[in-house]
PDB file of N, CA and C in Angstrom:
ATOM      1  N   MET A   1     110.886 121.470  98.104  1.00  0.00           N
ATOM      2  CA  MET A   1     110.423 120.908  96.856  1.00  0.00           C
ATOM      3  C   MET A   1     110.686 121.841  95.680  1.00  0.00           C
ATOM      4  N   ALA A   2     111.436 122.876  95.908  1.00  0.00           N
ATOM      5  CA  ALA A   2     111.714 123.817  94.830  1.00  0.00           C
ATOM      6  C   ALA A   2     112.644 123.180  93.801  1.00  0.00           C
ATOM      7  N   LEU A   3     112.390 123.499  92.574  1.00  0.00           N
ATOM      8  CA  LEU A   3     113.199 122.984  91.467  1.00  0.00           C
ATOM      9  C   LEU A   3     114.309 123.984  91.205  1.00  0.00           C
ATOM     10  N   ASP A   4     115.510 123.724  91.758  1.00  0.00           N
ATOM     11  CA  ASP A   4     116.616 124.660  91.550  1.00  0.00           C
ATOM     12  C   ASP A   4     117.199 124.488  90.151  1.00  0.00           C
ATOM     13  N   ALA A   5     118.078 125.386  89.762  1.00  0.00           N
ATOM     14  CA  ALA A   5     118.602 125.422  88.393  1.00  0.00           C
ATOM     15  C   ALA A   5     119.353 124.153  88.011  1.00  0.00           C
ATOM     16  N   ILE A   6     120.170 123.638  88.925  1.00  0.00           N
ATOM     17  CA  ILE A   6     120.937 122.426  88.620  1.00  0.00           C
ATOM     18  C   ILE A   6     120.009 121.231  88.474  1.00  0.00           C
ATOM     19  N   ARG A   7     119.075 121.093  89.406  1.00  0.00           N
ATOM     20  CA  ARG A   7     118.118 119.973  89.346  1.00  0.00           C
ATOM     21  C   ARG A   7     117.256 120.068  88.092  1.00  0.00           C
ATOM     22  N   GLU A   8     116.854 121.291  87.738  1.00  0.00           N
ATOM     23  CA  GLU A   8     116.043 121.495  86.530  1.00  0.00           C
ATOM     24  C   GLU A   8     116.821 121.087  85.281  1.00  0.00           C
ATOM     25  N   THR A   9     118.093 121.420  85.224  1.00  0.00           N
ATOM     26  CA  THR A   9     118.927 121.065  84.074  1.00  0.00           C
ATOM     27  C   THR A   9     119.038 119.550  83.918  1.00  0.00           C
ATOM     28  N   THR A  10     119.290 118.844  85.025  1.00  0.00           N
ATOM     29  CA  THR A  10     119.419 117.386  84.939  1.00  0.00           C
ATOM     30  C   THR A  10     118.081 116.726  84.610  1.00  0.00           C
ATOM     31  N   LEU A  11     116.998 117.278  85.147  1.00  0.00           N
ATOM     32  CA  LEU A  11     115.676 116.725  84.861  1.00  0.00           C
ATOM     33  C   LEU A  11     115.311 116.923  83.399  1.00  0.00           C
ATOM     34  N   LYS A  12     115.591 118.094  82.861  1.00  0.00           N
ATOM     35  CA  LYS A  12     115.311 118.355  81.444  1.00  0.00           C
ATOM     36  C   LYS A  12     116.163 117.458  80.548  1.00  0.00           C
ATOM     37  N   ALA A  13     117.411 117.209  80.943  1.00  0.00           N
ATOM     38  CA  ALA A  13     118.264 116.306  80.171  1.00  0.00           C
ATOM     39  C   ALA A  13     117.680 114.893  80.178  1.00  0.00           C
ATOM     40  N   TYR A  14     117.204 114.443  81.337  1.00  0.00           N
ATOM     41  CA  TYR A  14     116.586 113.122  81.450  1.00  0.00           C
ATOM     42  C   TYR A  14     115.353 113.025  80.550  1.00  0.00           C
ATOM     43  N   CYS A  15     114.561 114.085  80.534  1.00  0.00           N
ATOM     44  CA  CYS A  15     113.327 114.098  79.738  1.00  0.00           C
ATOM     45  C   CYS A  15     113.569 114.473  78.281  1.00  0.00           C
ATOM     46  N   ARG A  16     114.810 114.812  77.955  1.00  0.00           N
ATOM     47  CA  ARG A  16     115.174 115.243  76.603  1.00  0.00           C
ATOM     48  C   ARG A  16     114.320 116.426  76.156  1.00  0.00           C
ATOM     49  N   VAL A  17     114.242 117.406  77.036  1.00  0.00           N
ATOM     50  CA  VAL A  17     113.487 118.631  76.784  1.00  0.00           C
ATOM     51  C   VAL A  17     114.501 119.767  76.692  1.00  0.00           C
ATOM     52  N   ASP A  18     114.419 120.544  75.621  1.00  0.00           N
ATOM     53  CA  ASP A  18     115.357 121.648  75.451  1.00  0.00           C
ATOM     54  C   ASP A  18     114.738 122.973  75.859  1.00  0.00           C
ATOM     55  N   GLU A  19     113.964 123.549  74.985  1.00  0.00           N
ATOM     56  CA  GLU A  19     113.370 124.848  75.260  1.00  0.00           C
ATOM     57  C   GLU A  19     111.877 124.696  75.495  1.00  0.00           C
ATOM     58  N   LEU A  20     111.384 125.398  76.506  1.00  0.00           N
ATOM     59  CA  LEU A  20     109.970 125.349  76.848  1.00  0.00           C
ATOM     60  C   LEU A  20     109.400 126.759  76.825  1.00  0.00           C
ATOM     61  N   SER A  21     108.134 126.861  76.474  1.00  0.00           N
ATOM     62  CA  SER A  21     107.451 128.144  76.572  1.00  0.00           C
ATOM     63  C   SER A  21     107.205 128.439  78.053  1.00  0.00           C
ATOM     64  N   ALA A  22     106.768 129.647  78.357  1.00  0.00           N
ATOM     65  CA  ALA A  22     106.497 130.007  79.758  1.00  0.00           C
ATOM     66  C   ALA A  22     105.440 129.093  80.362  1.00  0.00           C
ATOM     67  N   GLU A  23     104.411 128.763  79.583  1.00  0.00           N
ATOM     68  CA  GLU A  23     103.356 127.874  80.076  1.00  0.00           C
ATOM     69  C   GLU A  23     103.898 126.469  80.318  1.00  0.00           C
ATOM     70  N   GLU A  24     104.755 126.007  79.414  1.00  0.00           N
ATOM     71  CA  GLU A  24     105.336 124.678  79.578  1.00  0.00           C
ATOM     72  C   GLU A  24     106.287 124.635  80.777  1.00  0.00           C
ATOM     73  N   GLU A  25     106.997 125.739  81.031  1.00  0.00           N
ATOM     74  CA  GLU A  25     107.878 125.806  82.204  1.00  0.00           C
ATOM     75  C   GLU A  25     107.062 125.634  83.481  1.00  0.00           C
ATOM     76  N   GLU A  26     105.915 126.292  83.542  1.00  0.00           N
ATOM     77  CA  GLU A  26     105.044 126.169  84.713  1.00  0.00           C
ATOM     78  C   GLU A  26     104.540 124.738  84.858  1.00  0.00           C
ATOM     79  N   LEU A  27     104.150 124.132  83.737  1.00  0.00           N
ATOM     80  CA  LEU A  27     103.678 122.751  83.764  1.00  0.00           C
ATOM     81  C   LEU A  27     104.798 121.812  84.208  1.00  0.00           C
ATOM     82  N   PHE A  28     105.991 122.010  83.676  1.00  0.00           N
ATOM     83  CA  PHE A  28     107.135 121.164  84.018  1.00  0.00           C
ATOM     84  C   PHE A  28     107.428 121.250  85.516  1.00  0.00           C
ATOM     85  N   SER A  29     107.381 122.458  86.059  1.00  0.00           N
ATOM     86  CA  SER A  29     107.595 122.653  87.489  1.00  0.00           C
ATOM     87  C   SER A  29     106.487 121.981  88.307  1.00  0.00           C
ATOM     88  N   ALA A  30     105.255 122.090  87.841  1.00  0.00           N
ATOM     89  CA  ALA A  30     104.130 121.446  88.535  1.00  0.00           C
ATOM     90  C   ALA A  30     104.276 119.929  88.505  1.00  0.00           C
ATOM     91  N   LEU A  31     104.720 119.376  87.382  1.00  0.00           N
ATOM     92  CA  LEU A  31     104.923 117.927  87.294  1.00  0.00           C
ATOM     93  C   LEU A  31     106.015 117.475  88.262  1.00  0.00           C
ATOM     94  N   TYR A  32     107.060 118.283  88.386  1.00  0.00           N
ATOM     95  CA  TYR A  32     108.129 117.969  89.336  1.00  0.00           C
ATOM     96  C   TYR A  32     107.582 117.960  90.762  1.00  0.00           C
ATOM     97  N   ASN A  33     106.855 119.009  91.126  1.00  0.00           N
ATOM     98  CA  ASN A  33     106.289 119.094  92.477  1.00  0.00           C
ATOM     99  C   ASN A  33     105.327 117.947  92.752  1.00  0.00           C
ATOM    100  N   ALA A  34     104.532 117.572  91.751  1.00  0.00           N
ATOM    101  CA  ALA A  34     103.603 116.450  91.903  1.00  0.00           C
ATOM    102  C   ALA A  34     104.371 115.143  92.097  1.00  0.00           C
ATOM    103  N   ALA A  35     105.464 114.969  91.372  1.00  0.00           N
ATOM    104  CA  ALA A  35     106.260 113.742  91.492  1.00  0.00           C
ATOM    105  C   ALA A  35     106.910 113.638  92.872  1.00  0.00           C
ATOM    106  N   VAL A  36     107.449 114.744  93.363  1.00  0.00           N
ATOM    107  CA  VAL A  36     108.040 114.735  94.704  1.00  0.00           C
ATOM    108  C   VAL A  36     106.947 114.457  95.744  1.00  0.00           C
ATOM    109  N   GLY A  37     105.788 115.070  95.563  1.00  0.00           N
ATOM    110  CA  GLY A  37     104.667 114.823  96.462  1.00  0.00           C
ATOM    111  C   GLY A  37     104.236 113.362  96.445  1.00  0.00           C
ATOM    112  N   TYR A  38     104.222 112.762  95.272  1.00  0.00           N
ATOM    113  CA  TYR A  38     103.872 111.341  95.150  1.00  0.00           C
ATOM    114  C   TYR A  38     104.845 110.484  95.961  1.00  0.00           C
ATOM    115  N   MET A  39     106.127 110.783  95.823  1.00  0.00           N
ATOM    116  CA  MET A  39     107.133 110.002  96.545  1.00  0.00           C
ATOM    117  C   MET A  39     106.947 110.147  98.058  1.00  0.00           C
ATOM    118  N   VAL A  40     106.720 111.358  98.517  1.00  0.00           N
ATOM    119  CA  VAL A  40     106.533 111.592  99.946  1.00  0.00           C
ATOM    120  C   VAL A  40     105.283 110.880 100.443  1.00  0.00           C
ATOM    121  N   GLN A  41     104.198 110.961  99.684  1.00  0.00           N
ATOM    122  CA  GLN A  41     102.963 110.289 100.083  1.00  0.00           C
ATOM    123  C   GLN A  41     103.090 108.768 100.004  1.00  0.00           C
ATOM    124  N   ALA A  42     104.028 108.290  99.183  1.00  0.00           N
ATOM    125  CA  ALA A  42     104.279 106.853  99.094  1.00  0.00           C
ATOM    126  C   ALA A  42     105.140 106.368 100.255  1.00  0.00           C
ATOM    127  N   GLY A  43     105.576 107.306 101.109  1.00  0.00           N
ATOM    128  CA  GLY A  43     106.360 106.925 102.272  1.00  0.00           C
ATOM    129  C   GLY A  43     107.854 107.109 102.118  1.00  0.00           C
ATOM    130  N   VAL A  44     108.282 107.841 101.087  1.00  0.00           N
ATOM    131  CA  VAL A  44     109.708 108.071 100.861  1.00  0.00           C
ATOM    132  C   VAL A  44     109.983 109.562 100.979  1.00  0.00           C
ATOM    133  N   ARG A  45     110.675 109.931 102.046  1.00  0.00           N
ATOM    134  CA  ARG A  45     111.015 111.337 102.239  1.00  0.00           C
ATOM    135  C   ARG A  45     112.153 111.758 101.318  1.00  0.00           C
ATOM    136  N   GLU A  46     112.145 113.031 100.930  1.00  0.00           N
ATOM    137  CA  GLU A  46     113.206 113.569 100.080  1.00  0.00           C
ATOM    138  C   GLU A  46     114.483 113.694 100.892  1.00  0.00           C
ATOM    139  N   PRO A  47     115.553 112.987 100.502  1.00  0.00           N
ATOM    140  CA  PRO A  47     116.815 113.091 101.244  1.00  0.00           C
ATOM    141  C   PRO A  47     117.378 114.515 101.156  1.00  0.00           C
ATOM    142  N   PRO A  48     117.890 115.042 102.265  1.00  0.00           N
ATOM    143  CA  PRO A  48     118.337 116.437 102.281  1.00  0.00           C
ATOM    144  C   PRO A  48     119.633 116.704 101.524  1.00  0.00           C
ATOM    145  N   GLU A  49     120.555 115.768 101.523  1.00  0.00           N
ATOM    146  CA  GLU A  49     121.826 115.999 100.842  1.00  0.00           C
ATOM    147  C   GLU A  49     122.040 114.951  99.765  1.00  0.00           C
ATOM    148  N   TYR A  50     123.020 115.236  98.890  1.00  0.00           N
ATOM    149  CA  TYR A  50     123.243 114.320  97.779  1.00  0.00           C
ATOM    150  C   TYR A  50     124.001 113.094  98.252  1.00  0.00           C
ATOM    151  N   THR A  51     123.323 111.954  98.197  1.00  0.00           N
ATOM    152  CA  THR A  51     123.853 110.653  98.578  1.00  0.00           C
ATOM    153  C   THR A  51     123.367 109.657  97.530  1.00  0.00           C
ATOM    154  N   PRO A  52     123.818 108.416  97.584  1.00  0.00           N
ATOM    155  CA  PRO A  52     123.251 107.428  96.671  1.00  0.00           C
ATOM    156  C   PRO A  52     121.726 107.317  96.821  1.00  0.00           C
ATOM    157  N   ARG A  53     121.232 107.443  98.047  1.00  0.00           N
ATOM    158  CA  ARG A  53     119.775 107.410  98.261  1.00  0.00           C
ATOM    159  C   ARG A  53     119.108 108.576  97.541  1.00  0.00           C
ATOM    160  N   ARG A  54     119.723 109.752  97.578  1.00  0.00           N
ATOM    161  CA  ARG A  54     119.166 110.917  96.888  1.00  0.00           C
ATOM    162  C   ARG A  54     119.171 110.680  95.377  1.00  0.00           C
ATOM    163  N   ALA A  55     120.205 110.043  94.863  1.00  0.00           N
ATOM    164  CA  ALA A  55     120.261 109.734  93.435  1.00  0.00           C
ATOM    165  C   ALA A  55     119.100 108.817  93.044  1.00  0.00           C
ATOM    166  N   GLN A  56     118.804 107.832  93.886  1.00  0.00           N
ATOM    167  CA  GLN A  56     117.681 106.934  93.624  1.00  0.00           C
ATOM    168  C   GLN A  56     116.362 107.691  93.677  1.00  0.00           C
ATOM    169  N   PHE A  57     116.210 108.552  94.666  1.00  0.00           N
ATOM    170  CA  PHE A  57     115.003 109.369  94.793  1.00  0.00           C
ATOM    171  C   PHE A  57     114.829 110.221  93.539  1.00  0.00           C
ATOM    172  N   ASP A  58     115.908 110.877  93.114  1.00  0.00           N
ATOM    173  CA  ASP A  58     115.834 111.733  91.929  1.00  0.00           C
ATOM    174  C   ASP A  58     115.477 110.942  90.671  1.00  0.00           C
ATOM    175  N   LEU A  59     116.007 109.728  90.545  1.00  0.00           N
ATOM    176  CA  LEU A  59     115.659 108.901  89.388  1.00  0.00           C
ATOM    177  C   LEU A  59     114.170 108.559  89.374  1.00  0.00           C
ATOM    178  N   CYS A  60     113.613 108.255  90.524  1.00  0.00           N
ATOM    179  CA  CYS A  60     112.173 107.981  90.598  1.00  0.00           C
ATOM    180  C   CYS A  60     111.366 109.216  90.231  1.00  0.00           C
ATOM    181  N   VAL A  61     111.773 110.373  90.722  1.00  0.00           N
ATOM    182  CA  VAL A  61     111.087 111.619  90.385  1.00  0.00           C
ATOM    183  C   VAL A  61     111.206 111.876  88.884  1.00  0.00           C
ATOM    184  N   ASN A  62     112.402 111.665  88.332  1.00  0.00           N
ATOM    185  CA  ASN A  62     112.599 111.846  86.884  1.00  0.00           C
ATOM    186  C   ASN A  62     111.637 110.976  86.093  1.00  0.00           C
ATOM    187  N   TYR A  63     111.525 109.720  86.494  1.00  0.00           N
ATOM    188  CA  TYR A  63     110.627 108.803  85.798  1.00  0.00           C
ATOM    189  C   TYR A  63     109.187 109.313  85.843  1.00  0.00           C
ATOM    190  N   LEU A  64     108.752 109.736  87.011  1.00  0.00           N
ATOM    191  CA  LEU A  64     107.376 110.211  87.162  1.00  0.00           C
ATOM    192  C   LEU A  64     107.116 111.456  86.329  1.00  0.00           C
ATOM    193  N   VAL A  65     108.077 112.380  86.308  1.00  0.00           N
ATOM    194  CA  VAL A  65     107.916 113.598  85.511  1.00  0.00           C
ATOM    195  C   VAL A  65     107.859 113.249  84.027  1.00  0.00           C
ATOM    196  N   LEU A  66     108.780 112.426  83.564  1.00  0.00           N
ATOM    197  CA  LEU A  66     108.799 112.051  82.150  1.00  0.00           C
ATOM    198  C   LEU A  66     107.518 111.332  81.755  1.00  0.00           C
ATOM    199  N   ASP A  67     107.056 110.433  82.597  1.00  0.00           N
ATOM    200  CA  ASP A  67     105.824 109.699  82.305  1.00  0.00           C
ATOM    201  C   ASP A  67     104.644 110.669  82.185  1.00  0.00           C
ATOM    202  N   SER A  68     104.549 111.604  83.104  1.00  0.00           N
ATOM    203  CA  SER A  68     103.463 112.589  83.056  1.00  0.00           C
ATOM    204  C   SER A  68     103.615 113.511  81.853  1.00  0.00           C
ATOM    205  N   TRP A  69     104.838 113.894  81.551  1.00  0.00           N
ATOM    206  CA  TRP A  69     105.100 114.777  80.405  1.00  0.00           C
ATOM    207  C   TRP A  69     104.701 114.092  79.096  1.00  0.00           C
ATOM    208  N   ASP A  70     105.049 112.831  78.968  1.00  0.00           N
ATOM    209  CA  ASP A  70     104.739 112.089  77.742  1.00  0.00           C
ATOM    210  C   ASP A  70     103.260 111.758  77.604  1.00  0.00           C
ATOM    211  N   ARG A  71     102.533 111.729  78.707  1.00  0.00           N
ATOM    212  CA  ARG A  71     101.114 111.342  78.665  1.00  0.00           C
ATOM    213  C   ARG A  71     100.183 112.534  78.872  1.00  0.00           C
ATOM    214  N   ARG A  72     100.594 113.692  78.363  1.00  0.00           N
ATOM    215  CA  ARG A  72      99.769 114.888  78.523  1.00  0.00           C
ATOM    216  C   ARG A  72      98.506 114.829  77.676  1.00  0.00           C
ATOM    217  N   ASP A  73      98.517 114.079  76.599  1.00  0.00           N
ATOM    218  CA  ASP A  73      97.334 113.962  75.743  1.00  0.00           C
ATOM    219  C   ASP A  73      96.250 113.165  76.450  1.00  0.00           C
ATOM    220  N   VAL A  74      95.016 113.472  76.112  1.00  0.00           N
ATOM    221  CA  VAL A  74      93.880 112.795  76.729  1.00  0.00           C
ATOM    222  C   VAL A  74      93.790 111.351  76.258  1.00  0.00           C
ATOM    223  N   SER A  75      94.041 111.119  74.984  1.00  0.00           N
ATOM    224  CA  SER A  75      93.907 109.763  74.445  1.00  0.00           C
ATOM    225  C   SER A  75      95.259 109.068  74.414  1.00  0.00           C
ATOM    226  N   PHE A  76      95.207 107.750  74.457  1.00  0.00           N
ATOM    227  CA  PHE A  76      96.411 106.934  74.426  1.00  0.00           C
ATOM    228  C   PHE A  76      96.214 105.891  73.339  1.00  0.00           C
ATOM    229  N   MET A  77      97.048 105.937  72.329  1.00  0.00           N
ATOM    230  CA  MET A  77      96.921 105.033  71.192  1.00  0.00           C
ATOM    231  C   MET A  77      97.768 103.775  71.410  1.00  0.00           C
ATOM    232  N   GLY A  78      97.363 102.687  70.782  1.00  0.00           N
ATOM    233  CA  GLY A  78      98.151 101.468  70.830  1.00  0.00           C
ATOM    234  C   GLY A  78      97.843 100.619  72.041  1.00  0.00           C
ATOM    235  N   THR A  79      98.766  99.715  72.316  1.00  0.00           N
ATOM    236  CA  THR A  79      98.580  98.807  73.445  1.00  0.00           C
ATOM    237  C   THR A  79      98.752  99.556  74.757  1.00  0.00           C
ATOM    238  N   SER A  80      98.196  99.011  75.794  1.00  0.00           N
ATOM    239  CA  SER A  80      98.322  99.665  77.100  1.00  0.00           C
ATOM    240  C   SER A  80      99.764  99.570  77.574  1.00  0.00           C
ATOM    241  N   ALA A  81     100.220 100.612  78.195  1.00  0.00           N
ATOM    242  CA  ALA A  81     101.594 100.670  78.676  1.00  0.00           C
ATOM    243  C   ALA A  81     101.692 100.103  80.084  1.00  0.00           C
ATOM    244  N   ALA A  82     102.806  99.476  80.368  1.00  0.00           N
ATOM    245  CA  ALA A  82     103.052  98.934  81.699  1.00  0.00           C
ATOM    246  C   ALA A  82     104.031  99.842  82.421  1.00  0.00           C
ATOM    247  N   GLU A  83     103.993  99.807  83.732  1.00  0.00           N
ATOM    248  CA  GLU A  83     104.922 100.598  84.527  1.00  0.00           C
ATOM    249  C   GLU A  83     106.340 100.085  84.315  1.00  0.00           C
ATOM    250  N   ASN A  84     107.286 100.996  84.324  1.00  0.00           N
ATOM    251  CA  ASN A  84     108.689 100.658  84.166  1.00  0.00           C
ATOM    252  C   ASN A  84     109.153  99.844  85.378  1.00  0.00           C
ATOM    253  N   PRO A  85     109.637  98.614  85.161  1.00  0.00           N
ATOM    254  CA  PRO A  85     110.048  97.780  86.294  1.00  0.00           C
ATOM    255  C   PRO A  85     111.236  98.366  87.062  1.00  0.00           C
ATOM    256  N   SER A  86     112.100  99.110  86.403  1.00  0.00           N
ATOM    257  CA  SER A  86     113.222  99.744  87.105  1.00  0.00           C
ATOM    258  C   SER A  86     112.722 100.766  88.112  1.00  0.00           C
ATOM    259  N   PHE A  87     111.710 101.542  87.714  1.00  0.00           N
ATOM    260  CA  PHE A  87     111.110 102.510  88.624  1.00  0.00           C
ATOM    261  C   PHE A  87     110.514 101.795  89.832  1.00  0.00           C
ATOM    262  N   ARG A  88     109.771 100.729  89.598  1.00  0.00           N
ATOM    263  CA  ARG A  88     109.123 100.007  90.690  1.00  0.00           C
ATOM    264  C   ARG A  88     110.154  99.446  91.661  1.00  0.00           C
ATOM    265  N   ARG A  89     111.251  98.897  91.120  1.00  0.00           N
ATOM    266  CA  ARG A  89     112.301  98.353  91.999  1.00  0.00           C
ATOM    267  C   ARG A  89     112.925  99.462  92.851  1.00  0.00           C
ATOM    268  N   LEU A  90     113.219 100.617  92.224  1.00  0.00           N
ATOM    269  CA  LEU A  90     113.797 101.728  92.971  1.00  0.00           C
ATOM    270  C   LEU A  90     112.847 102.231  94.049  1.00  0.00           C
ATOM    271  N   LEU A  91     111.580 102.413  93.695  1.00  0.00           N
ATOM    272  CA  LEU A  91     110.603 102.896  94.666  1.00  0.00           C
ATOM    273  C   LEU A  91     110.455 101.914  95.823  1.00  0.00           C
ATOM    274  N   ASN A  92     110.350 100.632  95.519  1.00  0.00           N
ATOM    275  CA  ASN A  92     110.236  99.617  96.576  1.00  0.00           C
ATOM    276  C   ASN A  92     111.467  99.624  97.485  1.00  0.00           C
ATOM    277  N   GLN A  93     112.653  99.720  96.893  1.00  0.00           N
ATOM    278  CA  GLN A  93     113.885  99.747  97.683  1.00  0.00           C
ATOM    279  C   GLN A  93     113.908 100.960  98.599  1.00  0.00           C
ATOM    280  N   LEU A  94     113.522 102.113  98.082  1.00  0.00           N
ATOM    281  CA  LEU A  94     113.496 103.321  98.906  1.00  0.00           C
ATOM    282  C   LEU A  94     112.485 103.190 100.040  1.00  0.00           C
ATOM    283  N   LYS A  95     111.328 102.634  99.753  1.00  0.00           N
ATOM    284  CA  LYS A  95     110.308 102.470 100.788  1.00  0.00           C
ATOM    285  C   LYS A  95     110.765 101.488 101.867  1.00  0.00           C
ATOM    286  N   LEU A  96     111.397 100.403 101.443  1.00  0.00           N
ATOM    287  CA  LEU A  96     111.831  99.385 102.392  1.00  0.00           C
ATOM    288  C   LEU A  96     113.005  99.843 103.244  1.00  0.00           C
ATOM    289  N   THR A  97     113.768 100.803 102.763  1.00  0.00           N
ATOM    290  CA  THR A  97     114.937 101.269 103.504  1.00  0.00           C
ATOM    291  C   THR A  97     114.738 102.655 104.090  1.00  0.00           C
ATOM    292  N   GLU A  98     113.510 103.164 104.076  1.00  0.00           N
ATOM    293  CA  GLU A  98     113.225 104.481 104.658  1.00  0.00           C
ATOM    294  C   GLU A  98     113.582 104.446 106.142  1.00  0.00           C
ATOM    295  N   PRO A  99     114.405 105.417 106.586  1.00  0.00           N
ATOM    296  CA  PRO A  99     114.772 105.437 108.007  1.00  0.00           C
ATOM    297  C   PRO A  99     113.532 105.524 108.888  1.00  0.00           C
ATOM    298  N   ASP A 100     113.540 104.765 109.963  1.00  0.00           N
ATOM    299  CA  ASP A 100     112.412 104.736 110.890  1.00  0.00           C
ATOM    300  C   ASP A 100     112.451 105.984 111.755  1.00  0.00           C
ATOM    301  N   VAL A 101     111.399 106.761 111.735  1.00  0.00           N
ATOM    302  CA  VAL A 101     111.349 107.970 112.550  1.00  0.00           C
ATOM    303  C   VAL A 101     110.478 107.778 113.775  1.00  0.00           C
ATOM    304  N   SER A 102     109.886 106.617 113.966  1.00  0.00           N
ATOM    305  CA  SER A 102     108.992 106.398 115.106  1.00  0.00           C
ATOM    306  C   SER A 102     109.734 106.421 116.431  1.00  0.00           C
ATOM    307  N   ASN A 103     111.024 106.112 116.426  1.00  0.00           N
ATOM    308  CA  ASN A 103     111.789 106.082 117.667  1.00  0.00           C
ATOM    309  C   ASN A 103     112.541 107.379 117.942  1.00  0.00           C
ATOM    310  N   LEU A 104     112.432 108.334 117.057  1.00  0.00           N
ATOM    311  CA  LEU A 104     113.140 109.588 117.240  1.00  0.00           C
ATOM    312  C   LEU A 104     112.355 110.511 118.155  1.00  0.00           C
ATOM    313  N   ASP A 105     113.069 111.295 118.941  1.00  0.00           N
ATOM    314  CA  ASP A 105     112.453 112.289 119.821  1.00  0.00           C
ATOM    315  C   ASP A 105     112.061 113.499 118.985  1.00  0.00           C
ATOM    316  N   THR A 106     110.781 113.760 118.871  1.00  0.00           N
ATOM    317  CA  THR A 106     110.311 114.887 118.072  1.00  0.00           C
ATOM    318  C   THR A 106     109.791 116.010 118.962  1.00  0.00           C
ATOM    319  N   SER A 107     110.013 115.917 120.275  1.00  0.00           N
ATOM    320  CA  SER A 107     109.533 116.957 121.177  1.00  0.00           C
ATOM    321  C   SER A 107     110.376 118.216 121.101  1.00  0.00           C
ATOM    322  N   GLY A 108     111.611 118.058 120.635  1.00  0.00           N
ATOM    323  CA  GLY A 108     112.506 119.207 120.534  1.00  0.00           C
ATOM    324  C   GLY A 108     113.314 119.446 121.797  1.00  0.00           C
ATOM    325  N   SER A 109     113.016 118.727 122.899  1.00  0.00           N
ATOM    326  CA  SER A 109     113.719 118.966 124.156  1.00  0.00           C
ATOM    327  C   SER A 109     115.059 118.233 124.208  1.00  0.00           C
ATOM    328  N   GLY A 110     115.148 117.134 123.485  1.00  0.00           N
ATOM    329  CA  GLY A 110     116.361 116.351 123.500  1.00  0.00           C
ATOM    330  C   GLY A 110     116.518 115.498 124.743  1.00  0.00           C
ATOM    331  N   GLU A 111     115.536 115.516 125.641  1.00  0.00           N
ATOM    332  CA  GLU A 111     115.599 114.740 126.883  1.00  0.00           C
ATOM    333  C   GLU A 111     114.581 113.614 126.834  1.00  0.00           C
ATOM    334  N   ASP A 112     114.855 112.550 127.519  1.00  0.00           N
ATOM    335  CA  ASP A 112     113.925 111.428 127.612  1.00  0.00           C
ATOM    336  C   ASP A 112     112.814 111.791 128.575  1.00  0.00           C
ATOM    337  N   GLU A 113     111.579 111.837 128.106  1.00  0.00           N
ATOM    338  CA  GLU A 113     110.459 112.260 128.929  1.00  0.00           C
ATOM    339  C   GLU A 113     109.930 111.151 129.840  1.00  0.00           C
ATOM    340  N   ALA A 114     110.462 109.933 129.734  1.00  0.00           N
ATOM    341  CA  ALA A 114     109.977 108.814 130.536  1.00  0.00           C
ATOM    342  C   ALA A 114     110.555 108.824 131.945  1.00  0.00           C
ATOM    343  N   GLU A 115     111.467 109.730 132.229  1.00  0.00           N
ATOM    344  CA  GLU A 115     112.105 109.761 133.552  1.00  0.00           C
ATOM    345  C   GLU A 115     111.161 110.122 134.640  1.00  0.00           C
TER     346      GLU A 115
END
């Protein structure tokens, strides 16, 4: 869940954030970690390598970070905001296509124990 330099650059570009103070850098990193945690708890594991699925995962994380970054204030003025439908579609697609791990051997032996 570490925010590497390349991922941080693309995330900041998505959020249209240029320079941050040291405190803001820590907050930005915490928001990223919280967003990745949200996705994992929602049933979507972080893909290990860059694939189209990873691009979708990253877009969902970007949305969550930007939403949290923009809503740092305690009060919210104006009409109530609705969730971005593009985010919801991506999250639903990722959840529905999450590889099934229930049939995988997690014992580490690589042998069928039913023999």
